[in-house]
Amino acid sequence: MPPRQAIFGGTFDPPHAGHVAVAVCAREQLDIDLLHIVVANDPWQKSAQRLVTPAHHRFAMAQLAFRDFDGMIVSDLEIRRGGPTYTIDTVAELEQPGIETLLVMGPAAANGVSTWHRAVELAERVRLAVVQPRGELPVHLEGWRTETVLMEPVEASATFVRALLTHRAHQDIPPQAVQLVPPAVMSYIVENRLYSP
């Protein structure tokens, strides 16, 4: 098998326990030599719907969330590139001859991947590593090469974490949020007054 790299892109607003579990499971199960955690600059499918935390804060939080894991690197290449975030451009920048590239994503993203910018070209250049809970049927998408990453369900989402923090009373941090967000990330959130009521 050729060396493998994977791209796990996202808004990471904020990074939480589910993101960390996905990264760890993907790297271990798929023999990934290097996992790029790529922080989106302008996630165009989200920024049109809600206010997204500034990219430099999301990048700093991602660095804290993944700093203790081998074989992972947090990348700001999409932030440095500027403008809307398109996965095909990130793939083109990171791919190398002789190294297979995978895209790590959940089943909801996988089911919509054919709507992404230059999707046909993307399907030719990468394999999809689809993360899903144990016991569910694997996702198979016509025209895409897929592999499955199995993991135990993690009841965490960035939307839920933001809601907990936005609606907290005074400056008290809800215990549930503390359980879902890495301690260093939570400290950063508090110090920078992110998601404040």
N, C-alpha and C. Protein backbone atom coordinates (compact mmCIF):
# COMPACT_ATOMS: atom_id res chain seq x y z
N MET A 1 0.84 -1.19 0.00
CA MET A 1 0.00 0.00 0.00
C MET A 1 0.88 1.25 0.00
N PRO A 2 0.56 2.22 -0.87
CA PRO A 2 1.36 3.45 -0.89
C PRO A 2 1.16 4.25 0.39
N PRO A 3 2.08 5.17 0.69
CA PRO A 3 1.86 6.05 1.84
C PRO A 3 0.53 6.79 1.69
N ARG A 4 -0.09 7.08 2.81
CA ARG A 4 -1.41 7.72 2.78
C ARG A 4 -1.42 8.98 3.63
N GLN A 5 -2.03 10.00 3.09
CA GLN A 5 -2.32 11.20 3.87
C GLN A 5 -3.82 11.43 3.81
N ALA A 6 -4.33 12.11 4.81
CA ALA A 6 -5.76 12.40 4.83
C ALA A 6 -5.97 13.86 5.19
N ILE A 7 -7.08 14.38 4.71
CA ILE A 7 -7.49 15.75 4.99
C ILE A 7 -8.79 15.70 5.77
N PHE A 8 -8.78 16.27 6.95
CA PHE A 8 -9.98 16.40 7.77
C PHE A 8 -10.25 17.88 7.89
N GLY A 9 -11.13 18.38 7.05
CA GLY A 9 -11.41 19.80 7.02
C GLY A 9 -12.66 20.13 7.80
N GLY A 10 -12.73 21.36 8.26
CA GLY A 10 -13.93 21.76 8.98
C GLY A 10 -13.85 23.19 9.45
N THR A 11 -14.96 23.65 9.99
CA THR A 11 -15.03 25.00 10.54
C THR A 11 -14.39 25.04 11.92
N PHE A 12 -14.57 23.96 12.69
CA PHE A 12 -14.00 23.86 14.05
C PHE A 12 -14.39 25.08 14.89
N ASP A 13 -15.70 25.25 15.04
CA ASP A 13 -16.24 26.45 15.68
C ASP A 13 -17.20 26.10 16.82
N PRO A 14 -16.68 25.53 17.94
CA PRO A 14 -15.28 25.22 18.24
C PRO A 14 -14.97 23.74 17.98
N PRO A 15 -13.68 23.35 18.02
CA PRO A 15 -13.33 21.92 17.98
C PRO A 15 -13.79 21.25 19.27
N HIS A 16 -14.29 20.03 19.17
CA HIS A 16 -14.84 19.35 20.33
C HIS A 16 -14.45 17.87 20.35
N ALA A 17 -14.96 17.15 21.33
CA ALA A 17 -14.58 15.75 21.52
C ALA A 17 -14.89 14.89 20.30
N GLY A 18 -15.96 15.20 19.61
CA GLY A 18 -16.29 14.44 18.41
C GLY A 18 -15.25 14.60 17.32
N HIS A 19 -14.76 15.82 17.12
CA HIS A 19 -13.70 16.06 16.13
C HIS A 19 -12.45 15.24 16.47
N VAL A 20 -12.08 15.26 17.74
CA VAL A 20 -10.88 14.54 18.16
C VAL A 20 -11.06 13.04 17.94
N ALA A 21 -12.22 12.51 18.30
CA ALA A 21 -12.48 11.07 18.12
C ALA A 21 -12.42 10.67 16.65
N VAL A 22 -12.97 11.50 15.79
CA VAL A 22 -12.93 11.22 14.35
C VAL A 22 -11.48 11.15 13.86
N ALA A 23 -10.68 12.12 14.24
CA ALA A 23 -9.29 12.17 13.79
C ALA A 23 -8.51 10.94 14.26
N VAL A 24 -8.68 10.59 15.52
CA VAL A 24 -7.95 9.45 16.08
C VAL A 24 -8.38 8.14 15.40
N CYS A 25 -9.68 7.93 15.27
CA CYS A 25 -10.17 6.69 14.65
C CYS A 25 -9.75 6.59 13.19
N ALA A 26 -9.84 7.68 12.46
CA ALA A 26 -9.47 7.65 11.04
C ALA A 26 -8.00 7.30 10.87
N ARG A 27 -7.15 7.93 11.64
CA ARG A 27 -5.71 7.68 11.50
C ARG A 27 -5.37 6.24 11.86
N GLU A 28 -5.96 5.73 12.92
CA GLU A 28 -5.64 4.37 13.36
C GLU A 28 -6.20 3.31 12.41
N GLN A 29 -7.42 3.47 11.97
CA GLN A 29 -8.08 2.41 11.19
C GLN A 29 -7.63 2.37 9.74
N LEU A 30 -7.21 3.50 9.19
CA LEU A 30 -6.90 3.55 7.76
C LEU A 30 -5.40 3.67 7.49
N ASP A 31 -4.58 3.45 8.51
CA ASP A 31 -3.12 3.50 8.34
C ASP A 31 -2.68 4.80 7.67
N ILE A 32 -3.17 5.89 8.17
CA ILE A 32 -2.84 7.21 7.62
C ILE A 32 -1.51 7.68 8.23
N ASP A 33 -0.57 8.02 7.37
CA ASP A 33 0.74 8.47 7.84
C ASP A 33 0.68 9.89 8.38
N LEU A 34 -0.07 10.76 7.72
CA LEU A 34 -0.19 12.14 8.17
C LEU A 34 -1.61 12.62 7.95
N LEU A 35 -2.21 13.14 9.00
CA LEU A 35 -3.57 13.67 8.93
C LEU A 35 -3.51 15.19 9.03
N HIS A 36 -3.97 15.85 7.97
CA HIS A 36 -4.02 17.32 7.94
C HIS A 36 -5.37 17.78 8.49
N ILE A 37 -5.34 18.49 9.60
CA ILE A 37 -6.55 19.10 10.14
C ILE A 37 -6.63 20.49 9.52
N VAL A 38 -7.52 20.68 8.56
CA VAL A 38 -7.55 21.91 7.78
C VAL A 38 -8.72 22.79 8.23
N VAL A 39 -8.38 23.95 8.75
CA VAL A 39 -9.38 24.90 9.24
C VAL A 39 -9.87 25.77 8.08
N ALA A 40 -11.17 25.75 7.86
CA ALA A 40 -11.75 26.51 6.75
C ALA A 40 -11.62 28.01 6.98
N ASN A 41 -11.35 28.73 5.92
CA ASN A 41 -11.30 30.20 6.01
C ASN A 41 -12.72 30.76 5.99
N ASP A 42 -13.38 30.58 4.88
CA ASP A 42 -14.76 31.04 4.72
C ASP A 42 -15.58 29.84 4.27
N PRO A 43 -16.16 29.10 5.23
CA PRO A 43 -16.98 27.93 4.85
C PRO A 43 -18.29 28.39 4.22
N TRP A 44 -18.29 28.55 2.91
CA TRP A 44 -19.37 29.25 2.22
C TRP A 44 -20.74 28.62 2.44
N GLN A 45 -20.79 27.31 2.70
CA GLN A 45 -22.09 26.68 2.92
C GLN A 45 -22.63 26.98 4.32
N LYS A 46 -21.77 27.50 5.22
CA LYS A 46 -22.21 27.84 6.57
C LYS A 46 -22.28 29.34 6.80
N SER A 47 -21.31 30.07 6.26
CA SER A 47 -21.22 31.50 6.56
C SER A 47 -22.41 32.28 6.01
N ALA A 48 -23.12 31.71 5.05
CA ALA A 48 -24.31 32.37 4.54
C ALA A 48 -25.49 32.20 5.50
N GLN A 49 -25.37 31.25 6.44
CA GLN A 49 -26.48 30.94 7.33
C GLN A 49 -26.30 31.49 8.75
N ARG A 50 -25.06 31.67 9.18
CA ARG A 50 -24.82 32.13 10.55
C ARG A 50 -23.49 32.87 10.61
N LEU A 51 -23.28 33.59 11.71
CA LEU A 51 -22.02 34.28 11.93
C LEU A 51 -20.97 33.27 12.36
N VAL A 52 -19.87 33.19 11.63
CA VAL A 52 -18.79 32.24 11.94
C VAL A 52 -17.70 32.96 12.71
N THR A 53 -17.17 32.32 13.74
CA THR A 53 -16.09 32.90 14.54
C THR A 53 -14.89 33.20 13.64
N PRO A 54 -14.20 34.32 13.84
CA PRO A 54 -13.04 34.65 13.00
C PRO A 54 -12.05 33.50 12.88
N ALA A 55 -11.47 33.37 11.70
CA ALA A 55 -10.63 32.21 11.38
C ALA A 55 -9.43 32.07 12.32
N HIS A 56 -8.82 33.17 12.75
CA HIS A 56 -7.62 33.05 13.58
C HIS A 56 -7.96 32.42 14.93
N HIS A 57 -9.16 32.66 15.44
CA HIS A 57 -9.57 32.02 16.69
C HIS A 57 -9.82 30.52 16.47
N ARG A 58 -10.48 30.18 15.38
CA ARG A 58 -10.77 28.77 15.12
C ARG A 58 -9.48 27.98 14.88
N PHE A 59 -8.53 28.60 14.20
CA PHE A 59 -7.24 27.95 13.98
C PHE A 59 -6.50 27.73 15.30
N ALA A 60 -6.49 28.75 16.17
CA ALA A 60 -5.82 28.62 17.47
C ALA A 60 -6.46 27.52 18.30
N MET A 61 -7.79 27.45 18.29
CA MET A 61 -8.48 26.40 19.05
C MET A 61 -8.17 25.02 18.51
N ALA A 62 -8.11 24.88 17.19
CA ALA A 62 -7.79 23.58 16.59
C ALA A 62 -6.37 23.16 16.96
N GLN A 63 -5.44 24.09 16.96
CA GLN A 63 -4.07 23.76 17.37
C GLN A 63 -4.05 23.21 18.79
N LEU A 64 -4.81 23.80 19.67
CA LEU A 64 -4.87 23.33 21.05
C LEU A 64 -5.55 21.97 21.15
N ALA A 65 -6.59 21.76 20.38
CA ALA A 65 -7.35 20.51 20.46
C ALA A 65 -6.54 19.30 20.01
N PHE A 66 -5.66 19.49 19.02
CA PHE A 66 -4.96 18.35 18.41
C PHE A 66 -3.46 18.32 18.73
N ARG A 67 -3.00 19.17 19.63
CA ARG A 67 -1.56 19.32 19.84
C ARG A 67 -0.89 18.08 20.44
N ASP A 68 -1.62 17.22 21.11
CA ASP A 68 -1.00 16.08 21.80
C ASP A 68 -1.07 14.79 21.01
N PHE A 69 -1.44 14.84 19.73
CA PHE A 69 -1.61 13.63 18.93
C PHE A 69 -0.54 13.53 17.86
N ASP A 70 0.10 12.37 17.79
CA ASP A 70 1.12 12.13 16.76
C ASP A 70 0.47 11.98 15.39
N GLY A 71 1.21 12.35 14.37
CA GLY A 71 0.75 12.14 13.00
C GLY A 71 -0.37 13.06 12.55
N MET A 72 -0.58 14.14 13.30
CA MET A 72 -1.60 15.12 12.92
C MET A 72 -0.96 16.51 12.88
N ILE A 73 -1.36 17.29 11.91
CA ILE A 73 -0.88 18.66 11.81
C ILE A 73 -2.06 19.57 11.49
N VAL A 74 -2.18 20.65 12.23
CA VAL A 74 -3.26 21.61 12.00
C VAL A 74 -2.77 22.63 10.96
N SER A 75 -3.54 22.78 9.91
CA SER A 75 -3.11 23.61 8.77
C SER A 75 -3.98 24.86 8.63
N ASP A 76 -3.31 25.97 8.33
CA ASP A 76 -4.02 27.22 8.05
C ASP A 76 -3.96 27.58 6.57
N LEU A 77 -3.70 26.59 5.72
CA LEU A 77 -3.50 26.92 4.30
C LEU A 77 -4.74 27.55 3.67
N GLU A 78 -5.92 27.14 4.09
CA GLU A 78 -7.13 27.75 3.52
C GLU A 78 -7.32 29.17 4.03
N ILE A 79 -6.89 29.42 5.26
CA ILE A 79 -6.97 30.77 5.81
C ILE A 79 -6.00 31.68 5.06
N ARG A 80 -4.78 31.18 4.84
CA ARG A 80 -3.78 31.98 4.11
C ARG A 80 -4.19 32.20 2.66
N ARG A 81 -4.89 31.24 2.08
CA ARG A 81 -5.33 31.37 0.69
C ARG A 81 -6.39 32.46 0.58
N GLY A 82 -7.24 32.57 1.59
CA GLY A 82 -8.28 33.59 1.61
C GLY A 82 -9.46 33.22 0.74
N GLY A 83 -10.53 33.97 0.90
CA GLY A 83 -11.72 33.75 0.10
C GLY A 83 -12.50 32.52 0.52
N PRO A 84 -13.51 32.16 -0.28
CA PRO A 84 -14.30 30.97 0.02
C PRO A 84 -13.45 29.70 0.01
N THR A 85 -13.86 28.72 0.81
CA THR A 85 -13.11 27.48 0.94
C THR A 85 -13.65 26.42 -0.01
N TYR A 86 -12.78 25.91 -0.89
CA TYR A 86 -13.14 24.82 -1.78
C TYR A 86 -12.16 23.67 -1.58
N THR A 87 -12.70 22.50 -1.28
CA THR A 87 -11.85 21.35 -0.96
C THR A 87 -10.93 20.98 -2.11
N ILE A 88 -11.39 21.12 -3.35
CA ILE A 88 -10.56 20.74 -4.49
C ILE A 88 -9.27 21.54 -4.52
N ASP A 89 -9.30 22.80 -4.12
CA ASP A 89 -8.09 23.63 -4.10
C ASP A 89 -7.13 23.15 -3.01
N THR A 90 -7.68 22.74 -1.89
CA THR A 90 -6.85 22.23 -0.79
C THR A 90 -6.20 20.91 -1.19
N VAL A 91 -6.95 20.04 -1.84
CA VAL A 91 -6.40 18.77 -2.32
C VAL A 91 -5.25 19.04 -3.29
N ALA A 92 -5.46 19.94 -4.22
CA ALA A 92 -4.43 20.25 -5.21
C ALA A 92 -3.16 20.76 -4.54
N GLU A 93 -3.30 21.48 -3.45
CA GLU A 93 -2.14 22.05 -2.76
C GLU A 93 -1.39 21.01 -1.94
N LEU A 94 -2.12 20.02 -1.41
CA LEU A 94 -1.50 19.06 -0.50
C LEU A 94 -1.08 17.75 -1.16
N GLU A 95 -1.66 17.40 -2.29
CA GLU A 95 -1.35 16.09 -2.86
C GLU A 95 0.09 16.05 -3.36
N GLN A 96 0.68 14.84 -3.28
CA GLN A 96 2.06 14.61 -3.69
C GLN A 96 2.14 13.32 -4.48
N PRO A 97 3.04 13.23 -5.45
CA PRO A 97 3.17 12.00 -6.24
C PRO A 97 3.47 10.81 -5.33
N GLY A 98 2.79 9.70 -5.59
CA GLY A 98 3.06 8.47 -4.85
C GLY A 98 2.41 8.39 -3.50
N ILE A 99 1.67 9.43 -3.10
CA ILE A 99 0.98 9.43 -1.81
C ILE A 99 -0.52 9.51 -2.05
N GLU A 100 -1.23 8.53 -1.52
CA GLU A 100 -2.69 8.51 -1.68
C GLU A 100 -3.33 9.51 -0.73
N THR A 101 -4.34 10.23 -1.23
CA THR A 101 -5.02 11.24 -0.42
C THR A 101 -6.45 10.82 -0.15
N LEU A 102 -6.85 10.91 1.13
CA LEU A 102 -8.20 10.61 1.55
C LEU A 102 -8.84 11.86 2.14
N LEU A 103 -10.15 11.95 2.03
CA LEU A 103 -10.91 13.01 2.69
C LEU A 103 -11.75 12.38 3.79
N VAL A 104 -11.57 12.85 5.00
CA VAL A 104 -12.31 12.32 6.15
C VAL A 104 -13.57 13.16 6.35
N MET A 105 -14.71 12.49 6.43
CA MET A 105 -15.98 13.21 6.61
C MET A 105 -17.04 12.29 7.19
N GLY A 106 -18.09 12.87 7.71
CA GLY A 106 -19.21 12.11 8.21
C GLY A 106 -20.18 11.74 7.10
N PRO A 107 -21.17 10.89 7.41
CA PRO A 107 -22.10 10.43 6.37
C PRO A 107 -22.94 11.55 5.77
N ALA A 108 -23.30 12.56 6.57
CA ALA A 108 -24.11 13.66 6.02
C ALA A 108 -23.32 14.43 4.97
N ALA A 109 -22.05 14.72 5.27
CA ALA A 109 -21.21 15.41 4.29
C ALA A 109 -20.99 14.53 3.06
N ALA A 110 -20.78 13.24 3.28
CA ALA A 110 -20.55 12.33 2.16
C ALA A 110 -21.76 12.29 1.22
N ASN A 111 -22.94 12.30 1.79
CA ASN A 111 -24.14 12.25 0.95
C ASN A 111 -24.32 13.52 0.13
N GLY A 112 -23.67 14.61 0.55
CA GLY A 112 -23.78 15.85 -0.21
C GLY A 112 -22.55 16.19 -1.02
N VAL A 113 -21.55 15.31 -1.00
CA VAL A 113 -20.26 15.66 -1.60
C VAL A 113 -20.35 15.86 -3.12
N SER A 114 -21.31 15.24 -3.75
CA SER A 114 -21.45 15.39 -5.19
C SER A 114 -21.91 16.79 -5.59
N THR A 115 -22.35 17.61 -4.61
CA THR A 115 -22.74 19.00 -4.90
C THR A 115 -21.57 19.95 -4.72
N TRP A 116 -20.43 19.45 -4.27
CA TRP A 116 -19.29 20.31 -3.98
C TRP A 116 -18.67 20.85 -5.26
N HIS A 117 -17.92 21.92 -5.13
CA HIS A 117 -17.25 22.57 -6.24
C HIS A 117 -16.31 21.58 -6.95
N ARG A 118 -16.48 21.43 -8.25
CA ARG A 118 -15.65 20.53 -9.09
C ARG A 118 -15.62 19.12 -8.52
N ALA A 119 -16.82 18.61 -8.20
CA ALA A 119 -16.94 17.31 -7.56
C ALA A 119 -16.42 16.15 -8.42
N VAL A 120 -16.63 16.22 -9.71
CA VAL A 120 -16.18 15.12 -10.59
C VAL A 120 -14.66 15.01 -10.54
N GLU A 121 -13.98 16.13 -10.60
CA GLU A 121 -12.52 16.13 -10.50
C GLU A 121 -12.07 15.65 -9.13
N LEU A 122 -12.77 16.06 -8.09
CA LEU A 122 -12.43 15.65 -6.73
C LEU A 122 -12.53 14.14 -6.59
N ALA A 123 -13.56 13.54 -7.17
CA ALA A 123 -13.75 12.10 -7.08
C ALA A 123 -12.60 11.33 -7.74
N GLU A 124 -11.99 11.93 -8.75
CA GLU A 124 -10.87 11.28 -9.43
C GLU A 124 -9.58 11.35 -8.62
N ARG A 125 -9.50 12.34 -7.72
CA ARG A 125 -8.22 12.60 -7.05
C ARG A 125 -8.13 12.04 -5.63
N VAL A 126 -9.27 11.73 -5.02
CA VAL A 126 -9.24 11.32 -3.61
C VAL A 126 -10.13 10.10 -3.37
N ARG A 127 -9.91 9.49 -2.21
CA ARG A 127 -10.84 8.51 -1.66
C ARG A 127 -11.56 9.18 -0.50
N LEU A 128 -12.80 8.79 -0.27
CA LEU A 128 -13.54 9.31 0.88
C LEU A 128 -13.42 8.34 2.04
N ALA A 129 -13.08 8.85 3.20
CA ALA A 129 -13.07 8.07 4.43
C ALA A 129 -14.28 8.52 5.23
N VAL A 130 -15.33 7.72 5.18
CA VAL A 130 -16.60 8.12 5.78
C VAL A 130 -16.71 7.57 7.19
N VAL A 131 -16.85 8.47 8.14
CA VAL A 131 -16.93 8.11 9.56
C VAL A 131 -18.39 7.88 9.93
N GLN A 132 -18.65 6.74 10.56
CA GLN A 132 -20.03 6.48 10.98
C GLN A 132 -20.06 5.58 12.21
N PRO A 133 -21.16 5.65 12.96
CA PRO A 133 -21.27 4.82 14.16
C PRO A 133 -21.27 3.34 13.83
N ARG A 134 -20.74 2.55 14.73
CA ARG A 134 -20.76 1.10 14.57
C ARG A 134 -22.21 0.61 14.46
N GLY A 135 -22.41 -0.37 13.60
CA GLY A 135 -23.74 -0.93 13.45
C GLY A 135 -24.54 -0.38 12.30
N GLU A 136 -24.10 0.75 11.74
CA GLU A 136 -24.81 1.32 10.59
C GLU A 136 -24.22 0.77 9.29
N LEU A 137 -25.04 0.74 8.26
CA LEU A 137 -24.57 0.25 6.97
C LEU A 137 -23.59 1.23 6.35
N PRO A 138 -22.52 0.72 5.72
CA PRO A 138 -21.53 1.62 5.09
C PRO A 138 -22.16 2.48 4.00
N VAL A 139 -21.63 3.68 3.85
CA VAL A 139 -22.09 4.59 2.80
C VAL A 139 -21.35 4.25 1.51
N HIS A 140 -22.10 4.03 0.45
CA HIS A 140 -21.49 3.81 -0.87
C HIS A 140 -22.06 4.85 -1.83
N LEU A 141 -21.20 5.57 -2.48
CA LEU A 141 -21.61 6.64 -3.37
C LEU A 141 -21.13 6.34 -4.79
N GLU A 142 -22.04 6.38 -5.72
CA GLU A 142 -21.68 6.10 -7.10
C GLU A 142 -20.69 7.13 -7.61
N GLY A 143 -19.60 6.64 -8.19
CA GLY A 143 -18.59 7.52 -8.75
C GLY A 143 -17.49 7.89 -7.77
N TRP A 144 -17.61 7.44 -6.52
CA TRP A 144 -16.62 7.76 -5.50
C TRP A 144 -16.02 6.47 -4.93
N ARG A 145 -14.74 6.52 -4.62
CA ARG A 145 -14.09 5.42 -3.90
C ARG A 145 -14.20 5.72 -2.41
N THR A 146 -14.76 4.78 -1.66
CA THR A 146 -15.01 5.05 -0.24
C THR A 146 -14.41 3.98 0.65
N GLU A 147 -14.06 4.40 1.85
CA GLU A 147 -13.68 3.51 2.93
C GLU A 147 -14.45 3.96 4.17
N THR A 148 -14.63 3.04 5.10
CA THR A 148 -15.43 3.34 6.28
C THR A 148 -14.55 3.41 7.52
N VAL A 149 -14.79 4.42 8.33
CA VAL A 149 -14.16 4.55 9.65
C VAL A 149 -15.26 4.33 10.68
N LEU A 150 -15.11 3.31 11.52
CA LEU A 150 -16.12 3.00 12.52
C LEU A 150 -15.73 3.61 13.86
N MET A 151 -16.68 4.18 14.55
CA MET A 151 -16.41 4.72 15.88
C MET A 151 -17.66 4.68 16.73
N GLU A 152 -17.45 4.70 18.02
CA GLU A 152 -18.58 4.78 18.93
C GLU A 152 -19.18 6.18 18.83
N PRO A 153 -20.49 6.28 18.92
CA PRO A 153 -21.12 7.61 18.80
C PRO A 153 -20.62 8.57 19.88
N VAL A 154 -20.34 9.80 19.48
CA VAL A 154 -19.98 10.86 20.42
C VAL A 154 -21.06 11.92 20.32
N GLU A 155 -21.77 12.11 21.42
CA GLU A 155 -22.88 13.07 21.42
C GLU A 155 -22.34 14.49 21.57
N ALA A 156 -21.79 14.99 20.48
CA ALA A 156 -21.22 16.34 20.49
C ALA A 156 -21.39 16.95 19.12
N SER A 157 -21.70 18.23 19.10
CA SER A 157 -21.70 18.98 17.85
C SER A 157 -21.31 20.41 18.20
N ALA A 158 -20.69 21.08 17.24
CA ALA A 158 -20.29 22.47 17.48
C ALA A 158 -21.51 23.35 17.72
N THR A 159 -22.61 23.05 17.03
CA THR A 159 -23.83 23.82 17.22
C THR A 159 -24.32 23.71 18.66
N PHE A 160 -24.30 22.49 19.21
CA PHE A 160 -24.75 22.26 20.58
C PHE A 160 -23.83 22.96 21.58
N VAL A 161 -22.52 22.84 21.35
CA VAL A 161 -21.56 23.49 22.26
C VAL A 161 -21.75 25.00 22.25
N ARG A 162 -21.89 25.59 21.06
CA ARG A 162 -22.10 27.03 20.98
C ARG A 162 -23.37 27.45 21.71
N ALA A 163 -24.42 26.65 21.57
CA ALA A 163 -25.67 26.97 22.24
C ALA A 163 -25.51 26.93 23.76
N LEU A 164 -24.79 25.93 24.25
CA LEU A 164 -24.55 25.86 25.70
C LEU A 164 -23.81 27.09 26.20
N LEU A 165 -22.79 27.49 25.46
CA LEU A 165 -21.96 28.61 25.90
C LEU A 165 -22.65 29.96 25.72
N THR A 166 -23.42 30.09 24.67
CA THR A 166 -24.10 31.36 24.40
C THR A 166 -25.19 31.63 25.43
N HIS A 167 -25.83 30.58 25.90
CA HIS A 167 -26.95 30.74 26.82
C HIS A 167 -26.57 30.50 28.28
N ARG A 168 -25.26 30.46 28.55
CA ARG A 168 -24.85 30.24 29.94
C ARG A 168 -25.18 31.47 30.79
N ALA A 169 -25.38 31.22 32.06
CA ALA A 169 -25.68 32.32 32.97
C ALA A 169 -24.38 32.97 33.44
N HIS A 170 -24.32 34.29 33.37
CA HIS A 170 -23.14 35.04 33.80
C HIS A 170 -21.90 34.48 33.09
N GLN A 171 -20.87 34.12 33.86
CA GLN A 171 -19.66 33.56 33.25
C GLN A 171 -19.46 32.09 33.62
N ASP A 172 -20.50 31.47 34.18
CA ASP A 172 -20.38 30.06 34.55
C ASP A 172 -20.36 29.20 33.29
N ILE A 173 -19.44 28.24 33.26
CA ILE A 173 -19.35 27.33 32.12
C ILE A 173 -20.19 26.09 32.42
N PRO A 174 -21.15 25.75 31.57
CA PRO A 174 -21.98 24.57 31.83
C PRO A 174 -21.11 23.30 31.89
N PRO A 175 -21.34 22.44 32.89
CA PRO A 175 -20.55 21.20 33.00
C PRO A 175 -20.59 20.36 31.73
N GLN A 176 -21.72 20.36 31.04
CA GLN A 176 -21.83 19.58 29.81
C GLN A 176 -20.85 20.08 28.75
N ALA A 177 -20.68 21.38 28.67
CA ALA A 177 -19.73 21.95 27.70
C ALA A 177 -18.30 21.58 28.06
N VAL A 178 -18.00 21.57 29.35
CA VAL A 178 -16.65 21.21 29.81
C VAL A 178 -16.32 19.78 29.39
N GLN A 179 -17.30 18.90 29.41
CA GLN A 179 -17.09 17.50 29.03
C GLN A 179 -16.89 17.34 27.52
N LEU A 180 -17.43 18.25 26.74
CA LEU A 180 -17.41 18.11 25.29
C LEU A 180 -16.24 18.80 24.60
N VAL A 181 -15.59 19.73 25.30
CA VAL A 181 -14.54 20.54 24.69
C VAL A 181 -13.22 20.27 25.42
N PRO A 182 -12.11 20.03 24.70
CA PRO A 182 -10.81 19.84 25.36
C PRO A 182 -10.50 20.99 26.31
N PRO A 183 -9.89 20.70 27.47
CA PRO A 183 -9.65 21.75 28.47
C PRO A 183 -8.91 22.97 27.95
N ALA A 184 -7.88 22.75 27.13
CA ALA A 184 -7.11 23.89 26.61
C ALA A 184 -7.98 24.76 25.70
N VAL A 185 -8.89 24.13 24.97
CA VAL A 185 -9.79 24.89 24.10
C VAL A 185 -10.78 25.70 24.94
N MET A 186 -11.29 25.07 25.99
CA MET A 186 -12.23 25.79 26.85
C MET A 186 -11.54 27.00 27.49
N SER A 187 -10.30 26.85 27.92
CA SER A 187 -9.57 27.98 28.49
C SER A 187 -9.43 29.11 27.48
N TYR A 188 -9.16 28.74 26.23
CA TYR A 188 -9.03 29.75 25.17
C TYR A 188 -10.36 30.47 24.96
N ILE A 189 -11.44 29.71 24.95
CA ILE A 189 -12.77 30.30 24.76
C ILE A 189 -13.07 31.32 25.85
N VAL A 190 -12.76 30.95 27.09
CA VAL A 190 -13.02 31.85 28.22
C VAL A 190 -12.13 33.09 28.14
N GLU A 191 -10.84 32.88 27.88
CA GLU A 191 -9.89 34.00 27.85
C GLU A 191 -10.23 35.00 26.74
N ASN A 192 -10.75 34.49 25.62
CA ASN A 192 -11.05 35.37 24.49
C ASN A 192 -12.53 35.74 24.39
N ARG A 193 -13.29 35.32 25.40
CA ARG A 193 -14.71 35.67 25.49
C ARG A 193 -15.48 35.29 24.24
N LEU A 194 -15.18 34.10 23.73
CA LEU A 194 -15.90 33.60 22.55
C LEU A 194 -17.24 33.00 22.99
N TYR A 195 -18.24 33.10 22.14
CA TYR A 195 -19.56 32.54 22.39
C TYR A 195 -20.15 33.08 23.69
N SER A 196 -19.83 34.31 24.04
CA SER A 196 -20.34 34.89 25.29
C SER A 196 -21.83 35.18 25.17
N PRO A 197 -22.53 35.14 26.31
CA PRO A 197 -23.98 35.46 26.28
C PRO A 197 -24.20 36.89 25.78
